[in-house]
């Protein structure tokens, strides 16, 4: 998890990038992630990326999103020269998704339950297809939640691979007081290892136990 210092306007973000570039001359990557979703505030995000590109033609852009607005902005993402998009996909069925997402707000309209989960999955699939057509590389983030989606993760990987994703980052759910999954325990290392073994059996590479980054099967 990253640490957020403050909210920045696009102009502030460019100044910050240049300050960091002075301190770390080998800095080559600029990424935009949470809190919140980058595509929910797309005008500011796109302006930030455009302005950074103006001062650094060779910068490598990364963007993280849950994918809800990915179909809407995929073409603009590609046009801005975003190199890698990370999409968080925690379910491949609406039933599982309904246990993860309390609701979805789609431009002012609220969806709940399986309807919400189905809409999100539909947008994620469409978005990945569009990114593939535009030549943007995709990585999938999946949070392993005990008793909720762990058994579905291999199916998520297979489906996302068919859509062109090259890597999957499996992250253990970290219980946080006051949230819906506060009562659940963090996945055991053995559970994450089992997931890694599923990918290993298909010849995929992976890394540490806590966070398993694997090539898609």
Protein backbone atom coordinates (compact mmCIF):
# COMPACT_ATOMS: atom_id res chain seq x y z
CA UNK A 1 0.00 0.00 0.00
CA UNK A 2 1.21 3.46 -0.90
CA UNK A 3 1.21 6.51 1.32
CA UNK A 4 -0.66 9.62 0.23
CA UNK A 5 0.79 12.95 1.34
CA UNK A 6 -1.82 15.32 -0.05
CA UNK A 7 -4.24 15.98 -2.89
CA UNK A 8 -2.57 17.60 -5.90
CA UNK A 9 -3.76 19.54 -8.89
CA UNK A 10 -2.24 18.43 -12.22
CA UNK A 11 0.17 21.37 -12.12
CA UNK A 12 1.28 20.36 -8.61
CA UNK A 13 1.82 16.77 -9.75
CA UNK A 14 4.07 17.89 -12.60
CA UNK A 15 6.13 20.04 -10.25
CA UNK A 16 6.43 17.10 -7.85
CA UNK A 17 7.52 14.79 -10.67
CA UNK A 18 10.23 17.23 -11.72
CA UNK A 19 11.43 17.58 -8.12
CA UNK A 20 11.69 13.80 -7.81
CA UNK A 21 13.44 13.63 -11.19
CA UNK A 22 16.09 16.01 -9.88
CA UNK A 23 16.58 13.87 -6.78
CA UNK A 24 16.49 10.57 -8.67
CA UNK A 25 17.89 11.17 -12.18
CA UNK A 26 17.21 7.56 -13.19
CA UNK A 27 13.49 7.96 -12.46
CA UNK A 28 11.65 6.77 -15.55
CA UNK A 29 8.14 5.78 -14.38
CA UNK A 30 5.12 7.84 -13.35
CA UNK A 31 2.13 5.94 -12.01
CA UNK A 32 -1.35 6.93 -10.88
CA UNK A 33 -3.27 4.65 -8.53
CA UNK A 34 -5.52 5.08 -5.44
CA UNK A 35 -6.98 5.96 -3.06
CA UNK A 36 -10.10 5.97 -5.17
CA UNK A 37 -10.07 5.09 -8.85
CA UNK A 38 -8.00 7.02 -11.38
CA UNK A 39 -10.70 6.85 -14.04
CA UNK A 40 -13.33 8.35 -11.73
CA UNK A 41 -11.39 11.61 -12.00
CA UNK A 42 -10.22 11.20 -15.57
CA UNK A 43 -10.06 14.87 -16.67
CA UNK A 44 -7.51 15.66 -13.96
CA UNK A 45 -5.62 12.40 -14.50
CA UNK A 46 -5.39 12.80 -18.28
CA UNK A 47 -4.23 16.40 -17.90
CA UNK A 48 -1.57 15.29 -15.43
CA UNK A 49 -0.26 12.63 -17.81
CA UNK A 50 -0.28 15.03 -20.75
CA UNK A 51 1.65 17.67 -18.81
CA UNK A 52 4.24 15.20 -17.57
CA UNK A 53 4.71 13.93 -21.13
CA UNK A 54 5.42 17.51 -22.21
CA UNK A 55 8.36 17.76 -19.81
CA UNK A 56 9.58 14.16 -20.22
CA UNK A 57 9.06 12.56 -23.61
CA UNK A 58 10.49 9.22 -22.45
CA UNK A 59 8.48 8.72 -19.24
CA UNK A 60 6.88 5.30 -18.76
CA UNK A 61 3.24 5.63 -17.64
CA UNK A 62 1.35 3.17 -15.43
CA UNK A 63 -2.29 3.43 -14.42
CA UNK A 64 -4.36 1.42 -11.92
CA UNK A 65 -8.13 1.03 -12.05
CA UNK A 66 -10.99 -1.26 -11.03
CA UNK A 67 -12.08 -1.18 -14.68
CA UNK A 68 -15.57 0.28 -14.29
CA UNK A 69 -14.86 3.16 -16.68
CA UNK A 70 -12.21 1.39 -18.72
CA UNK A 71 -14.31 0.98 -21.88
CA UNK A 72 -15.15 4.68 -21.81
CA UNK A 73 -11.54 5.85 -21.58
CA UNK A 74 -9.51 3.01 -23.14
CA UNK A 75 -8.93 4.87 -26.39
CA UNK A 76 -7.78 8.02 -24.57
CA UNK A 77 -5.53 5.95 -22.31
CA UNK A 78 -3.81 4.51 -25.37
CA UNK A 79 -3.58 7.91 -27.07
CA UNK A 80 -1.81 9.34 -24.01
CA UNK A 81 0.84 6.65 -24.34
CA UNK A 82 0.06 4.78 -21.13
CA UNK A 83 2.35 1.75 -21.22
CA UNK A 84 0.75 -0.48 -18.58
CA UNK A 85 -2.71 -0.62 -17.03
CA UNK A 86 -3.27 -2.62 -13.86
CA UNK A 87 -6.87 -3.77 -13.45
CA UNK A 88 -8.07 -5.12 -10.11
CA UNK A 89 -10.25 -8.18 -10.78
CA UNK A 90 -11.38 -10.00 -7.66
CA UNK A 91 -14.18 -12.14 -9.08
CA UNK A 92 -15.19 -13.85 -12.29
CA UNK A 93 -18.78 -14.59 -11.26
CA UNK A 94 -21.44 -12.13 -10.15
CA UNK A 95 -22.23 -14.29 -7.11
CA UNK A 96 -18.70 -13.98 -5.76
CA UNK A 97 -18.48 -10.34 -6.73
CA UNK A 98 -21.65 -9.57 -4.79
CA UNK A 99 -19.85 -10.72 -1.62
CA UNK A 100 -16.94 -8.36 -2.31
CA UNK A 101 -18.49 -5.12 -3.56
CA UNK A 102 -21.12 -3.34 -1.44
CA UNK A 103 -22.34 -1.26 -4.36
CA UNK A 104 -21.28 0.39 -7.60
CA UNK A 105 -21.90 4.01 -8.50
CA UNK A 106 -21.95 4.30 -12.27
CA UNK A 107 -22.08 8.01 -13.07
CA UNK A 108 -24.68 8.67 -10.39
CA UNK A 109 -26.69 5.46 -10.71
CA UNK A 110 -26.29 3.00 -7.85
CA UNK A 111 -26.18 -0.77 -8.34
CA UNK A 112 -26.04 -3.40 -5.60
CA UNK A 113 -25.65 -7.15 -5.25
CA UNK A 114 -25.13 -9.38 -8.26
CA UNK A 115 -26.32 -6.66 -10.63
CA UNK A 116 -23.44 -4.46 -9.48
CA UNK A 117 -20.89 -7.27 -9.71
CA UNK A 118 -22.09 -8.31 -13.16
CA UNK A 119 -21.83 -4.74 -14.45
CA UNK A 120 -18.28 -4.37 -13.13
CA UNK A 121 -17.17 -7.67 -14.68
CA UNK A 122 -18.77 -6.74 -18.00
CA UNK A 123 -16.88 -3.44 -18.04
CA UNK A 124 -13.61 -5.12 -17.04
CA UNK A 125 -13.90 -7.65 -19.86
CA UNK A 126 -14.82 -5.01 -22.44
CA UNK A 127 -12.06 -2.74 -21.21
CA UNK A 128 -9.39 -5.43 -21.47
CA UNK A 129 -10.51 -6.27 -24.98
CA UNK A 130 -10.20 -2.62 -26.00
CA UNK A 131 -6.80 -2.18 -24.39
CA UNK A 132 -5.61 -5.24 -26.29
CA UNK A 133 -6.85 -3.75 -29.56
CA UNK A 134 -5.01 -0.51 -28.79
CA UNK A 135 -1.79 -2.30 -27.85
CA UNK A 136 -1.76 -1.37 -24.17
CA UNK A 137 -0.24 -3.99 -21.86
CA UNK A 138 -2.34 -5.21 -18.92
CA UNK A 139 -1.57 -6.67 -15.51
CA UNK A 140 -4.25 -8.08 -13.23
CA UNK A 141 -4.33 -7.47 -9.48
CA UNK A 142 -6.36 -9.94 -7.45
CA UNK A 143 -6.85 -9.75 -3.70
CA UNK A 144 -7.07 -13.24 -2.17
CA UNK A 145 -9.94 -13.17 0.36
CA UNK A 146 -10.32 -16.34 2.50
CA UNK A 147 -13.70 -17.99 2.14
CA UNK A 148 -14.78 -15.53 -0.53
CA UNK A 149 -12.79 -15.70 -3.78
CA UNK A 150 -9.66 -17.80 -3.29
CA UNK A 151 -11.10 -20.82 -5.10
CA UNK A 152 -12.03 -18.59 -8.03
CA UNK A 153 -8.59 -17.08 -8.58
CA UNK A 154 -7.37 -19.73 -11.08
CA UNK A 155 -10.52 -19.14 -13.14
CA UNK A 156 -9.89 -15.39 -12.99
CA UNK A 157 -6.37 -15.96 -14.30
CA UNK A 158 -7.51 -18.16 -17.17
CA UNK A 159 -10.22 -15.73 -18.27
CA UNK A 160 -8.00 -12.67 -18.03
CA UNK A 161 -5.22 -14.44 -19.94
CA UNK A 162 -7.64 -15.12 -22.78
CA UNK A 163 -8.34 -11.39 -22.81
CA UNK A 164 -4.65 -10.63 -23.24
CA UNK A 165 -3.40 -9.97 -19.70
CA UNK A 166 0.21 -11.06 -19.28
CA UNK A 167 0.71 -10.96 -15.51
CA UNK A 168 -1.35 -11.50 -12.39
CA UNK A 169 -0.41 -10.09 -9.01
CA UNK A 170 -1.99 -12.10 -6.17
CA UNK A 171 -2.19 -10.04 -2.99
CA UNK A 172 -3.30 -11.33 0.41
CA UNK A 173 -6.28 -9.55 1.91
CA UNK A 174 -5.20 -7.47 4.92
CA UNK A 175 -7.98 -7.14 7.54
CA UNK A 176 -8.67 -3.51 8.47
CA UNK A 177 -10.78 -2.56 11.46
CA UNK A 178 -14.09 -1.00 10.51
CA UNK A 179 -14.29 -2.62 7.07
CA UNK A 180 -16.51 -5.42 5.80
CA UNK A 181 -13.78 -8.05 5.98
CA UNK A 182 -12.35 -7.03 9.35
CA UNK A 183 -13.57 -10.31 10.83
CA UNK A 184 -11.58 -12.42 8.37
CA UNK A 185 -8.03 -13.57 8.94
CA UNK A 186 -5.26 -12.73 6.53
CA UNK A 187 -4.70 -15.65 4.12
CA UNK A 188 -2.10 -18.07 5.37
CA UNK A 189 1.15 -18.35 3.47
CA UNK A 190 0.15 -21.92 2.64
CA UNK A 191 -2.98 -20.71 0.86
CA UNK A 192 -0.99 -18.28 -1.26
CA UNK A 193 1.52 -21.06 -1.93
CA UNK A 194 -1.27 -23.31 -3.18
CA UNK A 195 -2.31 -20.62 -5.62
CA UNK A 196 1.29 -20.29 -6.77
CA UNK A 197 1.47 -24.03 -7.31
CA UNK A 198 -1.58 -23.92 -9.57
CA UNK A 199 0.28 -21.54 -11.85
CA UNK A 200 3.57 -23.38 -11.46
CA UNK A 201 1.94 -26.56 -12.74
CA UNK A 202 1.20 -24.74 -15.98
CA UNK A 203 4.78 -23.47 -16.30
CA UNK A 204 4.18 -19.95 -15.06
CA UNK A 205 6.81 -17.89 -13.28
CA UNK A 206 6.05 -16.37 -9.90
CA UNK A 207 7.84 -14.64 -7.05
CA UNK A 208 7.44 -14.16 -3.29
CA UNK A 209 4.98 -15.95 -1.03
CA UNK A 210 3.29 -12.79 0.24
CA UNK A 211 2.70 -11.40 -3.22
CA UNK A 212 2.75 -13.83 -6.12
CA UNK A 213 3.32 -12.24 -9.52
CA UNK A 214 2.86 -14.83 -12.21
CA UNK A 215 2.85 -15.00 -15.96
CA UNK A 216 -0.63 -15.90 -17.18
CA UNK A 217 -1.22 -19.53 -18.18
